Protein backbone atom coordinates (compact mmCIF):
# COMPACT_ATOMS: atom_id res chain seq x y z
CA MET A 1 126.74 113.90 89.53
CA THR A 2 123.78 111.78 89.21
CA GLU A 3 124.18 108.03 89.42
CA GLN A 4 123.89 105.85 86.17
CA ASN A 5 122.26 103.05 86.59
CA PRO A 6 122.39 99.70 84.93
CA ILE A 7 119.87 98.51 82.89
CA LEU A 8 119.00 94.69 83.26
CA PRO A 9 118.58 92.23 80.66
CA GLY A 10 115.27 92.34 79.05
CA ALA A 11 114.82 96.20 78.56
CA GLU A 12 115.28 98.09 75.31
CA LEU A 13 119.13 99.44 75.69
CA THR A 14 118.47 102.92 74.56
CA SER A 15 121.41 104.58 72.74
CA ALA A 16 123.02 108.10 74.66
CA PRO A 17 123.43 111.16 72.65
CA GLN A 18 126.96 111.56 71.00
CA ASP A 19 127.91 114.95 72.95
CA ALA A 20 126.53 113.25 75.95
CA GLU A 21 129.38 112.66 78.76
CA GLN A 22 130.71 108.90 79.05
CA PRO A 23 129.53 107.26 82.29
CA ASP A 24 132.53 106.35 85.01
CA THR A 25 131.67 102.52 85.45
CA THR A 26 134.77 102.87 88.20
CA PRO A 27 132.78 102.22 91.58
CA LYS A 28 132.79 104.84 94.05
CA PRO A 29 133.83 104.51 97.70
CA ASP A 30 130.03 105.92 98.90
CA ILE A 31 128.74 103.27 96.45
CA ILE A 32 128.07 99.65 97.68
CA PRO A 33 127.77 98.46 93.90
CA GLY A 34 125.60 95.27 92.93
CA LEU A 35 126.94 92.48 91.25
CA ASP A 36 126.46 93.63 87.90
CA ALA A 37 127.30 97.25 88.81
CA VAL A 38 130.82 97.33 86.85
CA THR A 39 130.55 95.20 84.18
CA ALA A 40 126.57 96.17 83.11
CA PRO A 41 126.31 99.03 80.70
CA THR A 42 124.66 102.21 81.80
CA PHE A 43 122.75 105.06 80.84
CA ALA A 44 121.75 108.38 81.82
CA ALA A 45 118.61 109.44 82.98
CA PRO A 46 116.07 110.97 80.43
CA PRO A 47 115.98 114.89 80.05
CA ALA A 48 113.01 116.45 82.57
CA GLY A 49 110.04 116.02 80.43
CA VAL A 50 111.11 113.52 77.96
CA LEU A 51 108.97 110.30 78.57
CA PRO A 52 111.11 106.99 78.86
CA SER A 53 111.12 104.55 75.88
CA ILE A 54 109.46 101.00 76.26
CA PRO A 55 111.66 98.06 76.24
CA GLU A 56 110.76 96.21 73.46
CA SER A 57 110.28 92.96 75.71
CA PHE A 58 109.73 92.26 79.37
CA THR A 59 110.93 89.48 81.10
CA ARG A 60 108.89 86.83 82.34
CA SER A 61 109.00 88.01 85.98
CA GLN A 62 107.82 91.45 85.01
CA LYS A 63 104.57 90.42 82.75
CA LEU A 64 103.51 88.31 85.85
CA LEU A 65 104.00 91.41 88.38
CA GLY A 66 102.07 93.31 85.63
CA LEU A 67 99.21 90.66 85.99
CA LEU A 68 99.26 90.77 89.84
CA CYS A 69 99.34 94.91 90.93
CA PRO A 70 96.06 95.54 89.64
CA PHE A 71 94.44 93.21 92.18
CA ALA A 72 96.90 94.16 94.85
CA GLY A 73 95.55 97.71 94.78
CA PHE A 74 92.12 96.46 94.55
CA GLY A 75 93.20 94.84 98.04
CA ILE A 76 94.40 97.74 99.12
CA LEU A 77 91.89 99.70 98.15
CA ARG A 78 88.89 96.95 99.35
CA TYR A 79 90.01 95.84 102.45
CA MET A 80 92.18 98.74 103.53
CA ILE A 81 91.11 101.64 102.79
CA LEU A 82 87.12 101.23 102.26
CA HIS A 83 86.22 98.75 105.08
CA ALA A 84 87.27 98.25 108.72
CA LEU A 85 90.76 96.10 108.87
CA GLY A 86 90.45 92.17 109.09
CA LEU A 87 91.54 88.83 107.83
CA PRO A 88 91.60 89.96 104.16
CA ALA A 89 93.18 93.27 104.77
CA ALA A 90 96.19 90.70 106.86
CA LEU A 91 96.17 88.74 103.33
CA THR A 92 96.35 91.16 101.05
CA CYS A 93 99.51 92.74 102.60
CA TRP A 94 101.21 89.55 103.04
CA GLY A 95 100.32 88.43 99.66
CA ILE A 96 101.82 92.16 98.28
CA LEU A 97 104.93 91.22 100.71
CA THR A 98 105.48 87.93 99.12
CA MET A 99 104.94 89.24 95.89
CA GLY A 100 107.87 91.96 96.09
CA ILE A 101 109.96 89.64 97.49
CA LEU A 102 109.82 86.87 95.17
CA PHE A 103 109.61 89.68 92.55
CA LEU A 104 113.35 91.15 94.20
CA ARG A 105 115.15 88.04 94.20
CA ARG A 106 114.46 87.32 90.83
CA THR A 107 116.58 90.41 89.81
CA PRO A 108 120.57 88.80 90.18
CA ARG A 109 122.26 92.15 91.55
CA ILE A 110 119.56 92.21 94.99
CA ARG A 111 120.94 90.08 97.64
CA PHE A 112 118.73 89.80 100.70
CA ALA A 113 121.08 90.52 103.83
CA PRO A 114 119.91 89.31 107.76
CA ARG A 115 118.74 92.69 108.11
CA HIS A 116 116.50 92.75 105.37
CA TRP A 117 114.75 89.70 106.64
CA CYS A 118 114.25 91.22 110.12
CA MET A 119 112.20 94.44 108.49
CA ALA A 120 110.70 92.17 106.40
CA ALA A 121 109.43 89.66 109.54
CA VAL A 122 108.69 92.94 111.02
CA LEU A 123 106.19 93.77 108.14
CA TYR A 124 104.97 89.92 108.02
CA LEU A 125 104.20 90.60 112.05
CA PHE A 126 102.30 94.20 112.13
CA PRO A 127 99.00 92.65 109.90
CA LEU A 128 98.31 90.43 112.48
CA ILE A 129 96.71 92.76 114.43
CA PHE A 130 93.91 93.46 111.70
CA CYS A 131 92.87 89.39 113.04
CA ILE A 132 92.89 89.93 116.31
CA SER A 133 91.64 93.17 117.31
CA ASP A 134 88.78 95.33 116.43
CA ASN A 135 90.64 98.94 117.60
CA GLN A 136 90.54 101.02 114.36
CA THR A 137 92.80 103.32 115.87
CA MET A 138 95.51 101.20 116.48
CA THR A 139 94.55 98.88 112.89
CA GLY A 140 94.48 101.96 111.15
CA LEU A 141 98.05 103.58 112.17
CA CYS A 142 99.72 99.58 111.32
CA GLY A 143 98.26 99.89 108.13
CA LEU A 144 99.41 102.93 107.24
CA TYR A 145 103.03 101.63 108.94
CA VAL A 146 102.87 98.87 106.58
CA LEU A 147 101.61 100.78 103.44
CA LEU A 148 104.28 103.32 104.05
CA GLY A 149 107.20 100.35 104.99
CA MET A 150 106.71 98.05 101.89
CA PRO A 151 107.75 100.32 99.52
CA PHE A 152 110.70 101.84 101.51
CA PHE A 153 111.43 97.78 102.22
CA PHE A 154 111.40 97.29 98.54
CA PHE A 155 114.38 100.49 97.89
CA TYR A 156 116.67 99.17 100.84
CA VAL A 157 116.47 95.53 100.01
CA ALA A 158 117.60 96.70 96.06
CA SER A 159 119.91 99.35 97.05
CA GLY A 160 122.16 96.64 98.50
CA ASP A 161 123.02 98.87 101.74
CA ARG A 162 123.45 96.62 104.77
CA GLU A 163 122.50 99.43 107.25
CA LEU A 164 119.71 101.90 107.10
CA PRO A 165 120.71 105.33 105.10
CA ARG A 166 122.60 107.92 107.17
CA PHE A 167 119.99 110.18 105.63
CA LEU A 168 116.68 108.90 106.19
CA PRO A 169 114.40 111.78 105.09
CA MET A 170 115.93 111.53 101.63
CA ALA A 171 115.79 107.89 101.67
CA LEU A 172 111.60 108.12 101.99
CA HIS A 173 111.41 110.86 99.23
CA LYS A 174 112.90 108.49 96.99
CA ALA A 175 111.27 105.02 97.84
CA LEU A 176 107.78 106.85 98.72
CA LEU A 177 107.54 109.32 96.19
CA ASP A 178 109.88 109.49 93.59
CA TYR A 179 110.26 105.99 92.32
CA PRO A 180 106.61 105.37 92.49
CA TRP A 181 105.87 107.46 90.24
CA GLN A 182 108.88 107.06 87.17
CA ASN A 183 108.17 104.37 84.68
CA LYS A 184 105.24 103.67 83.96
CA LEU A 185 104.92 100.70 82.51
CA MET A 186 102.61 98.74 84.02
CA PHE A 187 100.21 98.76 81.05
CA PRO A 188 102.98 97.94 78.55
CA ALA A 189 103.66 94.73 80.23
CA ILE A 190 100.26 93.51 80.26
CA ARG A 191 99.94 94.31 76.41
CA SER A 192 103.44 92.52 76.16
CA CYS A 193 101.91 89.56 78.37
CA LEU A 194 98.56 89.17 76.32
CA ARG A 195 99.34 89.96 72.91
CA GLN A 196 100.70 86.84 71.87
CA ARG A 197 98.15 85.15 73.03
CA LYS A 198 94.68 85.77 70.50
CA LEU A 199 92.04 84.64 73.64
CA SER A 200 93.95 86.09 76.27
CA ARG A 201 94.08 89.62 73.84
CA ASN A 202 90.51 89.38 73.24
CA ALA A 203 89.53 88.49 76.60
CA LEU A 204 90.82 92.22 77.49
CA TYR A 205 89.39 93.76 74.97
CA VAL A 206 86.09 92.83 76.13
CA PHE A 207 86.41 93.56 79.92
CA VAL A 208 87.74 96.93 78.47
CA GLY A 209 84.83 97.61 76.28
CA LEU A 210 82.68 96.52 79.50
CA LEU A 211 84.03 99.42 81.52
CA LEU A 212 84.11 102.27 79.34
CA GLY A 213 80.50 101.06 77.60
CA ILE A 214 78.72 100.91 81.64
CA PRO A 215 78.64 104.86 81.77
CA LEU A 216 76.83 105.14 78.13
CA THR A 217 74.95 102.30 78.50
CA LEU A 218 73.68 103.78 81.68
CA LEU A 219 72.85 107.06 79.79
CA VAL A 220 70.88 105.39 77.37
CA TYR A 221 68.83 103.30 79.66
CA GLY A 222 68.02 106.77 81.69
CA LEU A 223 66.69 108.33 78.46
CA LEU A 224 64.60 105.50 77.81
CA LEU A 225 63.00 105.14 81.05
CA SER A 226 62.14 108.86 80.80
CA THR A 227 59.62 107.98 77.56
CA ASP A 228 58.90 104.04 77.94
CA GLY A 229 57.56 103.19 81.88
CA ASN A 230 57.61 99.62 80.83
CA MET A 231 61.45 100.10 81.05
CA ARG A 232 60.98 100.19 84.68
CA PHE A 233 61.57 95.97 84.64
CA LEU A 234 65.23 96.86 84.35
CA THR A 235 65.42 98.94 87.15
CA ASP A 236 64.10 95.96 89.43
CA TRP A 237 66.75 93.37 88.11
CA ILE A 238 69.66 96.38 88.37
CA GLN A 239 68.61 96.70 91.94
CA GLU A 240 69.17 93.24 92.80
CA ASP A 241 72.10 92.37 95.22
CA TRP A 242 74.01 90.35 92.67
CA TYR A 243 74.33 92.45 90.60
CA ARG A 244 74.38 95.85 92.68
CA GLY A 245 77.89 94.20 94.35
CA LEU A 246 79.00 93.10 90.87
CA MET A 247 79.06 97.09 89.58
CA ILE A 248 80.29 98.36 92.46
CA ARG A 249 83.36 95.63 92.54
CA LEU A 250 84.19 96.23 88.78
CA LEU A 251 83.88 100.51 89.85
CA GLN A 252 86.21 99.45 92.57
CA PHE A 253 88.70 97.54 90.39
CA LEU A 254 88.81 100.78 87.99
CA CYS A 255 89.75 102.98 91.04
CA ALA A 256 92.55 100.64 91.83
CA LEU A 257 94.32 100.74 88.80
CA PRO A 258 96.29 104.02 89.85
CA ILE A 259 97.15 102.05 93.38
CA GLY A 260 98.80 98.96 91.56
CA MET A 261 100.45 100.72 88.90
CA LEU A 262 102.56 102.33 91.41
CA LEU A 263 102.88 99.47 93.57
CA TYR A 264 104.26 98.04 89.97
CA ASN A 265 106.60 101.14 89.35
CA CYS A 266 108.02 100.58 92.84
CA LEU A 267 109.21 97.35 92.32
CA TYR A 268 110.34 97.83 88.70
CA ASN A 269 112.06 101.04 89.40
CA ASN A 270 114.39 99.44 92.51
CA ALA A 271 114.67 95.84 91.05
CA THR A 272 115.98 97.56 87.30
CA ARG A 273 117.11 101.17 87.94
CA ARG A 274 116.04 101.97 84.47
CA ASN A 275 116.21 105.85 83.57
CA ILE A 276 115.75 107.15 87.41
CA ARG A 277 117.89 109.06 89.41
CA SER A 278 119.83 106.98 92.27
CA LEU A 279 120.28 108.15 96.07
CA ARG A 280 123.78 108.68 96.69
CA LEU A 281 125.77 109.51 99.56
CA SER A 282 128.10 112.14 97.71
CA ASP A 283 124.70 113.54 96.56
CA CYS A 284 123.32 114.07 99.61
CA GLU A 285 126.43 115.05 102.01
CA GLU A 286 126.50 117.91 99.12
CA THR A 287 122.94 119.12 99.19
CA VAL A 288 123.69 118.85 103.51
CA LYS A 289 126.86 120.86 102.93
CA ALA A 290 124.87 123.87 100.70
CA LEU A 291 122.73 124.74 103.21
CA ARG A 292 125.69 125.49 105.64
CA ILE A 293 125.26 129.52 104.71
CA ALA A 294 124.79 131.09 108.07
CA PRO A 295 127.18 132.43 110.16
CA GLY A 296 127.35 130.34 113.70
CA THR A 297 127.45 133.87 115.48
CA LEU A 298 123.81 134.77 113.56
CA LEU A 299 121.94 131.40 114.58
CA TYR A 300 123.17 131.43 118.04
CA THR A 301 121.85 135.28 118.55
CA ILE A 302 118.35 134.06 117.29
CA VAL A 303 118.23 130.87 119.41
CA THR A 304 119.54 132.97 122.74
CA PRO A 305 116.17 134.95 123.69
CA VAL A 306 114.36 131.66 123.03
CA CYS A 307 116.52 130.14 125.44
CA PHE A 308 116.15 132.81 127.93
CA VAL A 309 112.08 132.68 127.34
CA TYR A 310 112.10 129.00 128.15
CA ALA A 311 114.03 129.80 131.87
CA VAL A 312 112.23 132.73 133.14
CA TYR A 313 108.60 130.89 131.97
CA ILE A 314 109.88 127.39 133.71
CA GLY A 315 111.28 130.10 136.37
CA LEU A 316 108.32 131.88 137.05
CA GLN A 317 105.84 128.66 136.64
CA ALA A 318 107.86 126.15 139.01
CA SER A 319 104.67 125.54 141.15
CA TYR A 320 102.70 125.07 138.46
CA LEU A 321 104.45 122.97 136.01
CA PHE A 322 106.08 120.38 139.39
CA SER A 323 102.61 120.34 140.82
CA GLY A 324 102.37 117.26 138.97
CA PHE A 325 105.18 115.17 140.57
CA ALA A 326 103.83 115.71 144.02
CA GLY A 327 100.75 114.82 143.44
CA ARG A 328 99.37 117.73 144.07
CA LEU A 329 96.69 119.72 142.14
CA PRO A 330 97.18 123.80 141.61
CA GLU A 331 94.52 125.61 143.24
CA GLY A 332 92.15 127.08 141.07
CA PHE A 333 92.12 123.86 138.39
CA SER A 334 90.29 120.52 137.85
CA TYR A 335 92.07 117.46 137.17
CA ALA A 336 91.09 117.41 133.06
CA GLY A 337 91.77 121.31 133.23
CA TYR A 338 95.02 120.79 134.58
CA ALA A 339 96.00 117.70 132.50
CA ARG A 340 94.84 119.42 129.11
CA SER A 341 95.77 122.90 129.34
CA GLY A 342 98.72 123.72 127.42
CA PHE A 343 99.22 120.11 125.72
CA PHE A 344 98.60 121.31 122.44
CA GLU A 345 101.12 124.41 123.11
CA LEU A 346 103.55 121.94 124.16
CA CYS A 347 103.22 119.39 120.80
CA PHE A 348 103.62 122.91 118.82
CA LEU A 349 106.45 123.94 120.93
CA SER A 350 108.06 120.45 120.55
CA VAL A 351 108.04 120.70 116.71
CA LEU A 352 109.43 124.15 116.80
CA ASN A 353 112.19 123.18 119.41
CA PHE A 354 113.05 120.56 116.56
CA LEU A 355 113.21 122.59 113.87
CA LEU A 356 115.47 124.99 115.77
CA ILE A 357 117.89 121.99 116.25
CA ALA A 358 117.81 121.17 112.79
CA MET A 359 118.03 124.95 112.08
CA LEU A 360 121.01 124.42 114.16
CA TYR A 361 122.74 121.35 112.29
CA LEU A 362 121.90 122.45 108.86
CA MET A 363 122.91 125.77 108.69
CA CYS A 364 125.42 126.60 110.88
CA ARG A 365 129.04 127.29 108.58
CA ARG A 366 131.60 124.79 109.43
CA GLU A 367 134.21 122.67 107.89
CA GLY A 368 133.32 118.40 108.01
CA GLN A 369 131.19 116.72 110.39
CA ASP A 370 133.09 118.35 113.50
CA ARG A 371 130.37 120.44 115.80
CA PRO A 372 131.26 123.38 117.58
CA LEU A 373 131.05 123.59 121.33
CA ALA A 374 128.62 126.12 120.83
CA LEU A 375 126.20 124.08 118.69
CA GLN A 376 126.12 121.69 120.61
CA ILE A 377 125.35 123.63 123.98
CA TYR A 378 122.54 125.38 122.36
CA SER A 379 120.79 122.03 121.23
CA SER A 380 121.58 120.37 124.09
CA LEU A 381 119.69 123.07 125.86
CA LEU A 382 116.90 122.92 123.34
CA CYS A 383 116.95 119.46 124.18
CA VAL A 384 116.65 119.73 128.00
CA ILE A 385 114.03 122.40 127.82
CA THR A 386 111.48 120.32 125.06
CA LEU A 387 112.36 117.05 127.90
CA LEU A 388 111.35 119.44 130.83
CA LEU A 389 108.63 120.38 129.29
CA ILE A 390 107.27 116.81 127.82
CA ALA A 391 107.72 115.04 131.59
CA THR A 392 105.77 117.90 132.98
CA ALA A 393 102.62 117.08 130.73
CA GLU A 394 103.30 113.65 131.46
CA SER A 395 102.67 113.83 135.32
CA LYS A 396 99.80 115.73 134.54
CA MET A 397 98.91 113.47 132.73
CA LEU A 398 99.30 110.92 135.18
CA LEU A 399 97.39 112.20 137.20
CA TYR A 400 94.78 112.93 135.73
CA ILE A 401 94.38 109.23 134.93
CA SER A 402 94.65 108.35 138.69
CA GLN A 403 91.83 109.96 139.62
CA MET A 404 89.46 109.74 136.77
CA GLY A 405 90.66 106.65 135.06
CA LEU A 406 91.87 105.88 131.49
CA THR A 407 90.77 106.25 128.20
CA GLN A 408 91.66 106.16 124.40
CA LYS A 409 92.59 109.67 124.00
CA ARG A 410 94.52 109.62 127.53
CA VAL A 411 96.45 106.12 126.64
CA TYR A 412 97.15 107.48 123.14
CA THR A 413 98.18 111.23 124.60
CA ALA A 414 100.24 109.71 127.14
CA TRP A 415 101.91 107.49 124.52
CA PHE A 416 102.66 110.30 122.51
CA MET A 417 104.48 112.19 124.78
CA LEU A 418 106.43 109.05 125.79
CA PHE A 419 107.63 108.81 122.17
CA LEU A 420 108.73 112.08 121.55
CA GLY A 421 110.68 111.84 124.80
CA LEU A 422 112.58 109.16 123.42
CA VAL A 423 112.87 111.25 120.53
CA PHE A 424 114.63 114.07 122.82
CA LEU A 425 116.60 112.04 124.14
CA MET A 426 117.69 110.56 121.46
CA LEU A 427 118.51 113.91 120.14
CA LEU A 428 120.32 114.82 123.17
CA LEU A 429 122.53 111.79 122.87
CA ARG A 430 122.93 112.44 119.33
CA GLN A 431 124.72 115.49 120.28
CA PHE A 432 127.87 114.22 121.93
CA ARG A 433 127.78 110.93 120.24
CA PRO A 434 128.49 111.60 116.79
CA TRP A 435 128.31 108.13 116.00
CA PHE A 436 124.90 107.31 116.64
CA HIS A 437 122.59 106.71 113.89
CA LEU A 438 119.58 108.85 115.01
CA ALA A 439 117.37 107.39 111.81
CA ARG A 440 117.82 104.37 113.18
CA GLY A 441 116.91 104.79 116.85
CA VAL A 442 114.02 106.65 115.89
CA LEU A 443 112.45 103.99 113.33
CA VAL A 444 113.52 101.21 115.73
CA THR A 445 111.94 103.12 118.57
CA GLY A 446 109.05 103.88 116.86
CA THR A 447 108.43 100.44 115.80
CA LEU A 448 108.68 98.50 119.18
CA MET A 449 106.48 101.39 120.72
CA LEU A 450 103.26 100.66 117.83
CA GLY A 451 104.20 97.22 118.11
CA LEU A 452 103.75 97.32 121.48
CA LEU A 453 100.71 99.54 122.06
CA ALA A 454 98.88 97.75 119.28
CA PHE A 455 99.12 94.03 120.29
CA SER A 456 98.21 94.86 124.11
CA ARG A 457 94.91 95.32 122.58
CA PRO A 458 94.54 98.71 124.75
CA ASP A 459 90.70 98.62 125.21
CA ALA A 460 90.74 95.55 126.60
CA TRP A 461 93.07 96.74 129.55
CA ILE A 462 91.72 100.29 129.68
CA ALA A 463 88.52 98.19 130.56
CA THR A 464 90.02 96.34 132.70
CA TYR A 465 91.80 98.86 134.95
CA ASN A 466 89.16 101.11 135.15
CA LEU A 467 86.85 98.36 136.47
CA GLU A 468 89.11 97.10 138.86
CA ALA A 469 90.27 100.31 140.45
CA TYR A 470 86.66 100.74 141.03
CA LYS A 471 85.72 98.07 142.85
CA ALA A 472 88.96 98.98 144.66
CA GLY A 473 87.87 102.12 145.23
CA ARG A 474 90.56 103.71 143.80
CA LEU A 475 88.25 105.95 141.59
CA PRO A 476 86.02 107.88 143.24
CA GLN A 477 83.93 108.40 139.89
CA LEU A 478 83.85 106.85 136.47
CA SER A 479 81.19 106.95 133.51
CA ALA A 480 79.99 104.11 131.74
CA SER A 481 79.54 105.61 128.48
CA ASP A 482 83.76 105.93 128.78
CA PHE A 483 83.31 102.16 128.20
CA TYR A 484 80.79 101.81 125.38
CA ASP A 485 82.86 104.03 123.71
CA LEU A 486 85.50 101.23 123.69
CA SER A 487 85.64 98.80 120.61
CA ASP A 488 84.89 94.78 120.96
CA ASP A 489 88.25 94.04 122.61
CA ALA A 490 86.53 95.18 125.99
CA TYR A 491 82.85 94.28 124.86
CA MET A 492 84.19 91.03 125.80
CA LEU A 493 84.68 91.88 129.34
CA PHE A 494 81.08 93.57 129.84
CA PRO A 495 79.15 90.00 130.48
CA GLU A 496 81.01 89.34 133.79
CA ASN A 497 81.15 93.09 134.98
CA LYS A 498 76.86 93.75 134.13
CA ALA A 499 76.08 94.66 136.81
CA LEU A 500 78.69 97.03 137.78
CA LEU A 501 78.15 98.96 134.38
CA GLU A 502 74.80 98.95 135.07
CA GLU A 503 75.20 100.35 138.54
CA MET A 504 77.62 103.45 137.00
CA GLY A 505 74.70 103.91 134.12
CA SER A 506 71.37 101.63 133.79
CA GLU A 507 70.07 98.41 132.62
CA ASP A 508 68.71 100.17 129.61
CA ALA A 509 71.55 102.06 128.72
CA TYR A 510 73.63 98.21 129.16
CA ARG A 511 70.98 96.73 126.69
CA SER A 512 71.10 99.79 124.32
CA ALA A 513 74.83 99.71 124.31
CA MET A 514 75.55 96.21 123.59
CA LYS A 515 72.63 96.14 120.86
CA LYS A 516 74.35 99.26 118.75
CA GLN A 517 77.60 97.48 119.53
CA TRP A 518 75.69 94.09 117.40
CA GLN A 519 74.53 96.00 115.00
CA LYS A 520 77.31 97.90 113.60
CA ASP A 521 79.43 94.62 113.25
CA ASP A 522 76.79 92.94 111.37
CA LYS A 523 76.32 95.98 108.99
CA ASP A 524 80.02 96.08 107.88
CA GLN A 525 80.65 92.07 107.11
CA PHE A 526 84.49 93.03 107.03
CA ARG A 527 84.09 93.74 110.79
CA GLN A 528 83.62 89.99 111.98
CA TYR A 529 87.15 89.35 110.36
CA ASN A 530 88.53 89.39 113.73
CA LEU A 531 88.76 87.06 116.35
CA SER A 532 87.08 90.12 118.78
CA THR A 533 84.19 91.04 116.69
CA TRP A 534 83.53 87.47 115.99
CA ARG A 535 83.94 86.11 119.72
CA PHE A 536 81.55 88.92 120.56
CA MET A 537 79.00 88.16 117.57
CA ARG A 538 79.14 84.49 118.28
CA ARG A 539 78.13 84.84 121.92
CA TYR A 540 75.57 87.78 121.84
CA VAL A 541 72.91 86.88 119.21
CA PRO A 542 69.63 89.77 119.47
CA ASP A 543 66.94 87.55 120.54
CA ASN A 544 63.43 89.20 120.21
CA GLY A 545 65.07 92.40 119.91
CA GLU A 546 67.16 91.89 123.37
CA LEU A 547 70.69 90.39 123.85
């Protein structure tokens, strides 16, 4: 049975049907009730296909949130999706997070725990990378982490839980794919805010009228231009930078309205829990129990041939697989070929083994939380095999790096394999320690590894390692093109090593790369809003076509 959600003051109380089951207001043992969960009236979710009724009135904070969310969506679209991430993107993330925290704190039933503040601190920290690094891969990953992390943070705080949900995938589905698409009340909230103010209401009508009238105006102008060439003076006026910039911003604001609506839905639904289906621990457990339909013998029979093939492969290919541990290159392979061989197959096998472990856990017929010994053995065996394959791939990559130096792809590949190995280590631990919180372990480990990689500015230490290793003679060969593909984090090191870079390539190649990088930064002004690019552009200004 779905949890019945309280409707806070300020929302319209809709009456339930006469024949509807009366809600049970007795606190359930698997729910941490809010402060008003017992005394406030509860109402069932509307039937499928029935739109929720619009509240007669909105609270002041809900109205203000409705006015701010379109601008927040504009900031996400303009500064995080369409342009390179920099200081404006960081300010956008900090503003949205602050707005959400202030809005949730206005809800009487919601209380912030120390764990909530720790998660908020992490979300405040990650946008700082936008201000200090020009590495687009790292800033993109951190931006994705923040954009996905904020809705989950709002869900986590509003749920009243002090611990991360045990069923994290279901919680992520609720936070990211369910709540943001229900109760689309941003525009009613804006209308409720402006309808009592005649001047504001008229200004809104003018703004909407301009947005709707622009396409029609352009159509009429095009038809008039085809009949009378004297109308071309308007074309020259329209082509001016200020007008073009204004039209672009208006179009971006219009396209950002759905993003703002999703943000409003997320905060409104988490705060009010109005006409939505909340996530209950008992419902999650019933869903998992319903999947346990297969006899253990059937599942073990499916997995046994797979494990046998793995054992045969490892036994026959031992010399090839473990050459990397000994620092030797197998006969007939180059360093690049040895490192790349089987990498994508490894990723596929890791995913396949993870799905097999999930199948064993979810579908094996059993009672309670106890796992049969055979289930533990097969799951552990799959974890050990995957860890062995990951270790061999990591050793091949390290051998490749020791001979050919670092690049972005090699660093990211080694980082990903290390993270994958830690995930399977935690899966292995989970087989014998049922109390281990796997979801929390994966989330914390991923956050720490992403933060360490991003804030270490990998491009800078990639260039430093390669230059120092080349000078010391540890790298027999090195290509200058590997340096020029890096971001501005590394370009600040090039002047001190100009002679060495020209020795690897040529003086013309060095000047061309520096000039091309400066022009790329100058073309997109948002790239200049980070420390690395700002320092690079201040120091290296083209003079007579040269740097």
